[in-house]
Amino acid sequence: MPIIMPIKDLRNTSEISDIAHKEQEPIFITKNGYSDLVVMSSELYDKFAKTNRIDQAIYESEKEMEEGGETINLDDAFERLNKKHYG
């Protein structure tokens, strides 16, 4: 269930921090009855950012394939990654 709070509750930052860390869910802040801000713990933000990077990489790979990209076999992929990483 989403956590929703009015903007006036932002005055109590310690309580909001406690809720964000305990629930590990975004807290939706409303202003005049409309969604205005989202507050979350830094751990949850990092999780969202990591998921977004993975989703973006998948999207870019799919787009590359649609535009005529070529596949390579797994051994060649690991070889390229090792060269890139170890130099």
PDB file of N, CA and C in Angstrom:
ATOM      1  N   MET A   1       0.846  -1.170   0.000  1.00  0.00           N
ATOM      2  CA  MET A   1       0.000   0.000   0.000  1.00  0.00           C
ATOM      3  C   MET A   1       0.896   1.240   0.000  1.00  0.00           C
ATOM      4  N   PRO A   2       0.667   2.177  -0.897  1.00  0.00           N
ATOM      5  CA  PRO A   2       1.535   3.356  -0.973  1.00  0.00           C
ATOM      6  C   PRO A   2       1.423   4.210   0.297  1.00  0.00           C
ATOM      7  N   ILE A   3       2.537   4.851   0.624  1.00  0.00           N
ATOM      8  CA  ILE A   3       2.567   5.774   1.756  1.00  0.00           C
ATOM      9  C   ILE A   3       2.383   7.174   1.185  1.00  0.00           C
ATOM     10  N   ILE A   4       1.353   7.858   1.644  1.00  0.00           N
ATOM     11  CA  ILE A   4       1.021   9.187   1.133  1.00  0.00           C
ATOM     12  C   ILE A   4       0.939  10.146   2.314  1.00  0.00           C
ATOM     13  N   MET A   5       1.592  11.289   2.199  1.00  0.00           N
ATOM     14  CA  MET A   5       1.596  12.296   3.269  1.00  0.00           C
ATOM     15  C   MET A   5       1.426  13.678   2.667  1.00  0.00           C
ATOM     16  N   PRO A   6       0.760  14.571   3.392  1.00  0.00           N
ATOM     17  CA  PRO A   6       0.674  15.954   2.917  1.00  0.00           C
ATOM     18  C   PRO A   6       2.013  16.668   3.127  1.00  0.00           C
ATOM     19  N   ILE A   7       2.255  17.680   2.338  1.00  0.00           N
ATOM     20  CA  ILE A   7       3.533  18.389   2.370  1.00  0.00           C
ATOM     21  C   ILE A   7       3.812  19.021   3.736  1.00  0.00           C
ATOM     22  N   LYS A   8       2.767  19.382   4.474  1.00  0.00           N
ATOM     23  CA  LYS A   8       2.980  19.996   5.796  1.00  0.00           C
ATOM     24  C   LYS A   8       3.681  19.034   6.751  1.00  0.00           C
ATOM     25  N   ASP A   9       3.576  17.712   6.502  1.00  0.00           N
ATOM     26  CA  ASP A   9       4.238  16.732   7.358  1.00  0.00           C
ATOM     27  C   ASP A   9       5.749  16.675   7.149  1.00  0.00           C
ATOM     28  N   LEU A  10       6.249  17.362   6.122  1.00  0.00           N
ATOM     29  CA  LEU A  10       7.695  17.400   5.898  1.00  0.00           C
ATOM     30  C   LEU A  10       8.429  18.119   7.023  1.00  0.00           C
ATOM     31  N   ARG A  11       7.696  18.833   7.859  1.00  0.00           N
ATOM     32  CA  ARG A  11       8.332  19.504   9.000  1.00  0.00           C
ATOM     33  C   ARG A  11       8.959  18.488   9.951  1.00  0.00           C
ATOM     34  N   ASN A  12       8.382  17.293  10.009  1.00  0.00           N
ATOM     35  CA  ASN A  12       8.875  16.265  10.926  1.00  0.00           C
ATOM     36  C   ASN A  12       9.818  15.327  10.172  1.00  0.00           C
ATOM     37  N   THR A  13      11.002  15.822   9.857  1.00  0.00           N
ATOM     38  CA  THR A  13      11.943  15.074   9.026  1.00  0.00           C
ATOM     39  C   THR A  13      12.421  13.782   9.672  1.00  0.00           C
ATOM     40  N   SER A  14      12.589  13.764  10.984  1.00  0.00           N
ATOM     41  CA  SER A  14      13.049  12.539  11.663  1.00  0.00           C
ATOM     42  C   SER A  14      12.029  11.417  11.510  1.00  0.00           C
ATOM     43  N   GLU A  15      10.754  11.749  11.662  1.00  0.00           N
ATOM     44  CA  GLU A  15       9.703  10.736  11.521  1.00  0.00           C
ATOM     45  C   GLU A  15       9.651  10.212  10.087  1.00  0.00           C
ATOM     46  N   ILE A  16       9.765  11.100   9.117  1.00  0.00           N
ATOM     47  CA  ILE A  16       9.736  10.685   7.719  1.00  0.00           C
ATOM     48  C   ILE A  16      10.947   9.806   7.407  1.00  0.00           C
ATOM     49  N   SER A  17      12.100  10.161   7.926  1.00  0.00           N
ATOM     50  CA  SER A  17      13.294   9.344   7.738  1.00  0.00           C
ATOM     51  C   SER A  17      13.089   7.951   8.334  1.00  0.00           C
ATOM     52  N   ASP A  18      12.560   7.893   9.539  1.00  0.00           N
ATOM     53  CA  ASP A  18      12.297   6.597  10.187  1.00  0.00           C
ATOM     54  C   ASP A  18      11.353   5.742   9.350  1.00  0.00           C
ATOM     55  N   ILE A  19      10.283   6.347   8.848  1.00  0.00           N
ATOM     56  CA  ILE A  19       9.310   5.614   8.020  1.00  0.00           C
ATOM     57  C   ILE A  19       9.975   5.124   6.740  1.00  0.00           C
ATOM     58  N   ALA A  20      10.738   5.994   6.095  1.00  0.00           N
ATOM     59  CA  ALA A  20      11.381   5.628   4.823  1.00  0.00           C
ATOM     60  C   ALA A  20      12.326   4.449   5.009  1.00  0.00           C
ATOM     61  N   HIS A  21      13.097   4.456   6.083  1.00  0.00           N
ATOM     62  CA  HIS A  21      14.048   3.360   6.326  1.00  0.00           C
ATOM     63  C   HIS A  21      13.348   2.087   6.786  1.00  0.00           C
ATOM     64  N   LYS A  22      12.319   2.230   7.591  1.00  0.00           N
ATOM     65  CA  LYS A  22      11.597   1.058   8.099  1.00  0.00           C
ATOM     66  C   LYS A  22      10.798   0.372   6.994  1.00  0.00           C
ATOM     67  N   GLU A  23      10.073   1.131   6.216  1.00  0.00           N
ATOM     68  CA  GLU A  23       9.161   0.568   5.211  1.00  0.00           C
ATOM     69  C   GLU A  23       9.862   0.207   3.906  1.00  0.00           C
ATOM     70  N   GLN A  24      10.980   0.870   3.598  1.00  0.00           N
ATOM     71  CA  GLN A  24      11.689   0.676   2.331  1.00  0.00           C
ATOM     72  C   GLN A  24      10.719   0.774   1.141  1.00  0.00           C
ATOM     73  N   GLU A  25       9.880   1.791   1.204  1.00  0.00           N
ATOM     74  CA  GLU A  25       8.930   2.135   0.144  1.00  0.00           C
ATOM     75  C   GLU A  25       9.005   3.639  -0.083  1.00  0.00           C
ATOM     76  N   PRO A  26       8.701   4.094  -1.292  1.00  0.00           N
ATOM     77  CA  PRO A  26       8.649   5.538  -1.530  1.00  0.00           C
ATOM     78  C   PRO A  26       7.509   6.167  -0.725  1.00  0.00           C
ATOM     79  N   ILE A  27       7.720   7.384  -0.277  1.00  0.00           N
ATOM     80  CA  ILE A  27       6.677   8.147   0.405  1.00  0.00           C
ATOM     81  C   ILE A  27       6.248   9.252  -0.557  1.00  0.00           C
ATOM     82  N   PHE A  28       4.993   9.232  -0.931  1.00  0.00           N
ATOM     83  CA  PHE A  28       4.458  10.216  -1.876  1.00  0.00           C
ATOM     84  C   PHE A  28       3.951  11.414  -1.088  1.00  0.00           C
ATOM     85  N   ILE A  29       4.477  12.590  -1.419  1.00  0.00           N
ATOM     86  CA  ILE A  29       4.111  13.830  -0.742  1.00  0.00           C
ATOM     87  C   ILE A  29       3.148  14.593  -1.646  1.00  0.00           C
ATOM     88  N   THR A  30       2.017  14.979  -1.054  1.00  0.00           N
ATOM     89  CA  THR A  30       1.008  15.711  -1.827  1.00  0.00           C
ATOM     90  C   THR A  30       1.000  17.183  -1.430  1.00  0.00           C
ATOM     91  N   LYS A  31       0.625  18.007  -2.398  1.00  0.00           N
ATOM     92  CA  LYS A  31       0.472  19.445  -2.179  1.00  0.00           C
ATOM     93  C   LYS A  31      -0.861  19.847  -2.786  1.00  0.00           C
ATOM     94  N   ASN A  32      -1.718  20.406  -1.966  1.00  0.00           N
ATOM     95  CA  ASN A  32      -3.075  20.777  -2.400  1.00  0.00           C
ATOM     96  C   ASN A  32      -3.816  19.584  -3.011  1.00  0.00           C
ATOM     97  N   GLY A  33      -3.559  18.406  -2.462  1.00  0.00           N
ATOM     98  CA  GLY A  33      -4.269  17.208  -2.905  1.00  0.00           C
ATOM     99  C   GLY A  33      -3.673  16.520  -4.123  1.00  0.00           C
ATOM    100  N   TYR A  34      -2.587  17.059  -4.659  1.00  0.00           N
ATOM    101  CA  TYR A  34      -1.970  16.481  -5.850  1.00  0.00           C
ATOM    102  C   TYR A  34      -0.551  15.996  -5.542  1.00  0.00           C
ATOM    103  N   SER A  35      -0.126  14.972  -6.235  1.00  0.00           N
ATOM    104  CA  SER A  35       1.219  14.444  -6.059  1.00  0.00           C
ATOM    105  C   SER A  35       2.244  15.523  -6.388  1.00  0.00           C
ATOM    106  N   ASP A  36       3.240  15.685  -5.504  1.00  0.00           N
ATOM    107  CA  ASP A  36       4.216  16.754  -5.688  1.00  0.00           C
ATOM    108  C   ASP A  36       5.648  16.239  -5.585  1.00  0.00           C
ATOM    109  N   LEU A  37       5.948  15.390  -4.616  1.00  0.00           N
ATOM    110  CA  LEU A  37       7.302  14.899  -4.376  1.00  0.00           C
ATOM    111  C   LEU A  37       7.270  13.422  -4.011  1.00  0.00           C
ATOM    112  N   VAL A  38       8.426  12.789  -4.126  1.00  0.00           N
ATOM    113  CA  VAL A  38       8.596  11.424  -3.645  1.00  0.00           C
ATOM    114  C   VAL A  38       9.852  11.411  -2.786  1.00  0.00           C
ATOM    115  N   VAL A  39       9.737  10.859  -1.586  1.00  0.00           N
ATOM    116  CA  VAL A  39      10.853  10.762  -0.656  1.00  0.00           C
ATOM    117  C   VAL A  39      11.127   9.289  -0.419  1.00  0.00           C
ATOM    118  N   MET A  40      12.420   8.916  -0.392  1.00  0.00           N
ATOM    119  CA  MET A  40      12.776   7.521  -0.119  1.00  0.00           C
ATOM    120  C   MET A  40      14.138   7.461   0.534  1.00  0.00           C
ATOM    121  N   SER A  41      14.432   6.326   1.152  1.00  0.00           N
ATOM    122  CA  SER A  41      15.744   6.135   1.756  1.00  0.00           C
ATOM    123  C   SER A  41      16.799   6.053   0.658  1.00  0.00           C
ATOM    124  N   SER A  42      18.033   6.339   1.020  1.00  0.00           N
ATOM    125  CA  SER A  42      19.100   6.259   0.026  1.00  0.00           C
ATOM    126  C   SER A  42      19.309   4.822  -0.445  1.00  0.00           C
ATOM    127  N   GLU A  43      19.074   3.854   0.445  1.00  0.00           N
ATOM    128  CA  GLU A  43      19.200   2.439   0.049  1.00  0.00           C
ATOM    129  C   GLU A  43      18.173   2.084  -1.030  1.00  0.00           C
ATOM    130  N   LEU A  44      16.947   2.549  -0.839  1.00  0.00           N
ATOM    131  CA  LEU A  44      15.902   2.270  -1.828  1.00  0.00           C
ATOM    132  C   LEU A  44      16.205   2.987  -3.142  1.00  0.00           C
ATOM    133  N   TYR A  45      16.711   4.216  -3.052  1.00  0.00           N
ATOM    134  CA  TYR A  45      17.087   4.948  -4.264  1.00  0.00           C
ATOM    135  C   TYR A  45      18.160   4.188  -5.041  1.00  0.00           C
ATOM    136  N   ASP A  46      19.174   3.685  -4.330  1.00  0.00           N
ATOM    137  CA  ASP A  46      20.240   2.914  -4.986  1.00  0.00           C
ATOM    138  C   ASP A  46      19.673   1.691  -5.687  1.00  0.00           C
ATOM    139  N   LYS A  47      18.711   1.029  -5.048  1.00  0.00           N
ATOM    140  CA  LYS A  47      18.065  -0.148  -5.647  1.00  0.00           C
ATOM    141  C   LYS A  47      17.329   0.246  -6.930  1.00  0.00           C
ATOM    142  N   PHE A  48      16.570   1.334  -6.883  1.00  0.00           N
ATOM    143  CA  PHE A  48      15.860   1.813  -8.068  1.00  0.00           C
ATOM    144  C   PHE A  48      16.838   2.193  -9.174  1.00  0.00           C
ATOM    145  N   ALA A  49      17.925   2.870  -8.811  1.00  0.00           N
ATOM    146  CA  ALA A  49      18.909   3.298  -9.808  1.00  0.00           C
ATOM    147  C   ALA A  49      19.565   2.093 -10.470  1.00  0.00           C
ATOM    148  N   LYS A  50      19.894   1.076  -9.693  1.00  0.00           N
ATOM    149  CA  LYS A  50      20.510  -0.127 -10.248  1.00  0.00           C
ATOM    150  C   LYS A  50      19.551  -0.818 -11.215  1.00  0.00           C
ATOM    151  N   THR A  51      18.298  -0.953 -10.805  1.00  0.00           N
ATOM    152  CA  THR A  51      17.289  -1.571 -11.677  1.00  0.00           C
ATOM    153  C   THR A  51      17.134  -0.769 -12.963  1.00  0.00           C
ATOM    154  N   ASN A  52      17.140   0.554 -12.855  1.00  0.00           N
ATOM    155  CA  ASN A  52      17.008   1.406 -14.032  1.00  0.00           C
ATOM    156  C   ASN A  52      18.185   1.223 -14.984  1.00  0.00           C
ATOM    157  N   ARG A  53      19.409   1.094 -14.438  1.00  0.00           N
ATOM    158  CA  ARG A  53      20.585   0.892 -15.300  1.00  0.00           C
ATOM    159  C   ARG A  53      20.479  -0.427 -16.051  1.00  0.00           C
ATOM    160  N   ILE A  54      20.004  -1.467 -15.373  1.00  0.00           N
ATOM    161  CA  ILE A  54      19.844  -2.775 -16.019  1.00  0.00           C
ATOM    162  C   ILE A  54      18.776  -2.685 -17.107  1.00  0.00           C
ATOM    163  N   ASP A  55      17.636  -2.069 -16.784  1.00  0.00           N
ATOM    164  CA  ASP A  55      16.567  -1.908 -17.766  1.00  0.00           C
ATOM    165  C   ASP A  55      17.045  -1.109 -18.972  1.00  0.00           C
ATOM    166  N   GLN A  56      17.829  -0.055 -18.738  1.00  0.00           N
ATOM    167  CA  GLN A  56      18.348   0.771 -19.826  1.00  0.00           C
ATOM    168  C   GLN A  56      19.288  -0.036 -20.715  1.00  0.00           C
ATOM    169  N   ALA A  57      20.143  -0.854 -20.112  1.00  0.00           N
ATOM    170  CA  ALA A  57      21.074  -1.679 -20.897  1.00  0.00           C
ATOM    171  C   ALA A  57      20.307  -2.680 -21.756  1.00  0.00           C
ATOM    172  N   ILE A  58      19.258  -3.277 -21.208  1.00  0.00           N
ATOM    173  CA  ILE A  58      18.437  -4.220 -21.976  1.00  0.00           C
ATOM    174  C   ILE A  58      17.761  -3.496 -23.137  1.00  0.00           C
ATOM    175  N   TYR A  59      17.195  -2.316 -22.853  1.00  0.00           N
ATOM    176  CA  TYR A  59      16.534  -1.530 -23.902  1.00  0.00           C
ATOM    177  C   TYR A  59      17.509  -1.197 -25.032  1.00  0.00           C
ATOM    178  N   GLU A  60      18.708  -0.740 -24.667  1.00  0.00           N
ATOM    179  CA  GLU A  60      19.692  -0.375 -25.682  1.00  0.00           C
ATOM    180  C   GLU A  60      20.119  -1.587 -26.501  1.00  0.00           C
ATOM    181  N   SER A  61      20.247  -2.732 -25.863  1.00  0.00           N
ATOM    182  CA  SER A  61      20.610  -3.960 -26.583  1.00  0.00           C
ATOM    183  C   SER A  61      19.522  -4.374 -27.551  1.00  0.00           C
ATOM    184  N   GLU A  62      18.272  -4.306 -27.102  1.00  0.00           N
ATOM    185  CA  GLU A  62      17.153  -4.662 -27.986  1.00  0.00           C
ATOM    186  C   GLU A  62      17.086  -3.713 -29.180  1.00  0.00           C
ATOM    187  N   LYS A  63      17.297  -2.426 -28.939  1.00  0.00           N
ATOM    188  CA  LYS A  63      17.260  -1.439 -30.017  1.00  0.00           C
ATOM    189  C   LYS A  63      18.392  -1.706 -31.017  1.00  0.00           C
ATOM    190  N   GLU A  64      19.573  -2.025 -30.499  1.00  0.00           N
ATOM    191  CA  GLU A  64      20.706  -2.336 -31.369  1.00  0.00           C
ATOM    192  C   GLU A  64      20.383  -3.535 -32.264  1.00  0.00           C
ATOM    193  N   MET A  65      19.752  -4.555 -31.711  1.00  0.00           N
ATOM    194  CA  MET A  65      19.400  -5.741 -32.503  1.00  0.00           C
ATOM    195  C   MET A  65      18.356  -5.398 -33.570  1.00  0.00           C
ATOM    196  N   GLU A  66      17.401  -4.534 -33.220  1.00  0.00           N
ATOM    197  CA  GLU A  66      16.387  -4.119 -34.192  1.00  0.00           C
ATOM    198  C   GLU A  66      17.020  -3.353 -35.353  1.00  0.00           C
ATOM    199  N   GLU A  67      18.127  -2.686 -35.079  1.00  0.00           N
ATOM    200  CA  GLU A  67      18.800  -1.878 -36.097  1.00  0.00           C
ATOM    201  C   GLU A  67      19.882  -2.658 -36.832  1.00  0.00           C
ATOM    202  N   GLY A  68      19.852  -3.974 -36.696  1.00  0.00           N
ATOM    203  CA  GLY A  68      20.767  -4.808 -37.460  1.00  0.00           C
ATOM    204  C   GLY A  68      22.015  -5.257 -36.723  1.00  0.00           C
ATOM    205  N   GLY A  69      22.038  -5.109 -35.441  1.00  0.00           N
ATOM    206  CA  GLY A  69      23.191  -5.559 -34.663  1.00  0.00           C
ATOM    207  C   GLY A  69      23.400  -7.055 -34.811  1.00  0.00           C
ATOM    208  N   GLU A  70      24.628  -7.476 -34.639  1.00  0.00           N
ATOM    209  CA  GLU A  70      24.954  -8.897 -34.790  1.00  0.00           C
ATOM    210  C   GLU A  70      25.228  -9.517 -33.427  1.00  0.00           C
ATOM    211  N   THR A  71      24.835 -10.769 -33.296  1.00  0.00           N
ATOM    212  CA  THR A  71      25.098 -11.487 -32.055  1.00  0.00           C
ATOM    213  C   THR A  71      26.498 -12.082 -32.093  1.00  0.00           C
ATOM    214  N   ILE A  72      27.048 -12.339 -30.915  1.00  0.00           N
ATOM    215  CA  ILE A  72      28.321 -13.049 -30.816  1.00  0.00           C
ATOM    216  C   ILE A  72      28.127 -14.202 -29.837  1.00  0.00           C
ATOM    217  N   ASN A  73      29.000 -15.211 -29.938  1.00  0.00           N
ATOM    218  CA  ASN A  73      28.824 -16.342 -29.032  1.00  0.00           C
ATOM    219  C   ASN A  73      29.354 -15.985 -27.650  1.00  0.00           C
ATOM    220  N   LEU A  74      28.973 -16.768 -26.675  1.00  0.00           N
ATOM    221  CA  LEU A  74      29.278 -16.485 -25.278  1.00  0.00           C
ATOM    222  C   LEU A  74      30.774 -16.425 -25.005  1.00  0.00           C
ATOM    223  N   ASP A  75      31.538 -17.351 -25.578  1.00  0.00           N
ATOM    224  CA  ASP A  75      32.983 -17.352 -25.347  1.00  0.00           C
ATOM    225  C   ASP A  75      33.631 -16.063 -25.838  1.00  0.00           C
ATOM    226  N   ASP A  76      33.206 -15.584 -27.014  1.00  0.00           N
ATOM    227  CA  ASP A  76      33.743 -14.329 -27.537  1.00  0.00           C
ATOM    228  C   ASP A  76      33.352 -13.141 -26.648  1.00  0.00           C
ATOM    229  N   ALA A  77      32.138 -13.175 -26.127  1.00  0.00           N
ATOM    230  CA  ALA A  77      31.684 -12.094 -25.247  1.00  0.00           C
ATOM    231  C   ALA A  77      32.544 -12.033 -23.992  1.00  0.00           C
ATOM    232  N   PHE A  78      32.799 -13.193 -23.365  1.00  0.00           N
ATOM    233  CA  PHE A  78      33.635 -13.211 -22.165  1.00  0.00           C
ATOM    234  C   PHE A  78      35.066 -12.784 -22.478  1.00  0.00           C
ATOM    235  N   GLU A  79      35.560 -13.189 -23.631  1.00  0.00           N
ATOM    236  CA  GLU A  79      36.918 -12.803 -24.020  1.00  0.00           C
ATOM    237  C   GLU A  79      37.016 -11.279 -24.156  1.00  0.00           C
ATOM    238  N   ARG A  80      36.017 -10.673 -24.799  1.00  0.00           N
ATOM    239  CA  ARG A  80      36.010  -9.215 -24.949  1.00  0.00           C
ATOM    240  C   ARG A  80      35.923  -8.521 -23.592  1.00  0.00           C
ATOM    241  N   LEU A  81      35.070  -9.052 -22.708  1.00  0.00           N
ATOM    242  CA  LEU A  81      34.930  -8.450 -21.395  1.00  0.00           C
ATOM    243  C   LEU A  81      36.225  -8.561 -20.598  1.00  0.00           C
ATOM    244  N   ASN A  82      36.883  -9.692 -20.680  1.00  0.00           N
ATOM    245  CA  ASN A  82      38.147  -9.876 -19.966  1.00  0.00           C
ATOM    246  C   ASN A  82      39.213  -8.928 -20.485  1.00  0.00           C
ATOM    247  N   LYS A  83      39.280  -8.746 -21.800  1.00  0.00           N
ATOM    248  CA  LYS A  83      40.245  -7.811 -22.373  1.00  0.00           C
ATOM    249  C   LYS A  83      39.976  -6.400 -21.899  1.00  0.00           C
ATOM    250  N   LYS A  84      38.686  -6.031 -21.849  1.00  0.00           N
ATOM    251  CA  LYS A  84      38.288  -4.704 -21.416  1.00  0.00           C
ATOM    252  C   LYS A  84      38.627  -4.501 -19.938  1.00  0.00           C
ATOM    253  N   HIS A  85      38.387  -5.525 -19.149  1.00  0.00           N
ATOM    254  CA  HIS A  85      38.551  -5.408 -17.694  1.00  0.00           C
ATOM    255  C   HIS A  85      40.018  -5.553 -17.277  1.00  0.00           C
ATOM    256  N   TYR A  86      40.729  -6.488 -17.865  1.00  0.00           N
ATOM    257  CA  TYR A  86      42.097  -6.779 -17.438  1.00  0.00           C
ATOM    258  C   TYR A  86      43.160  -6.226 -18.383  1.00  0.00           C
ATOM    259  N   GLY A  87      42.695  -5.664 -19.456  1.00  0.00           N
ATOM    260  CA  GLY A  87      43.517  -4.993 -20.262  1.00  0.00           C
ATOM    261  C   GLY A  87      44.403  -5.128 -21.296  1.00  0.00           C
TER     262      GLY A  87
END
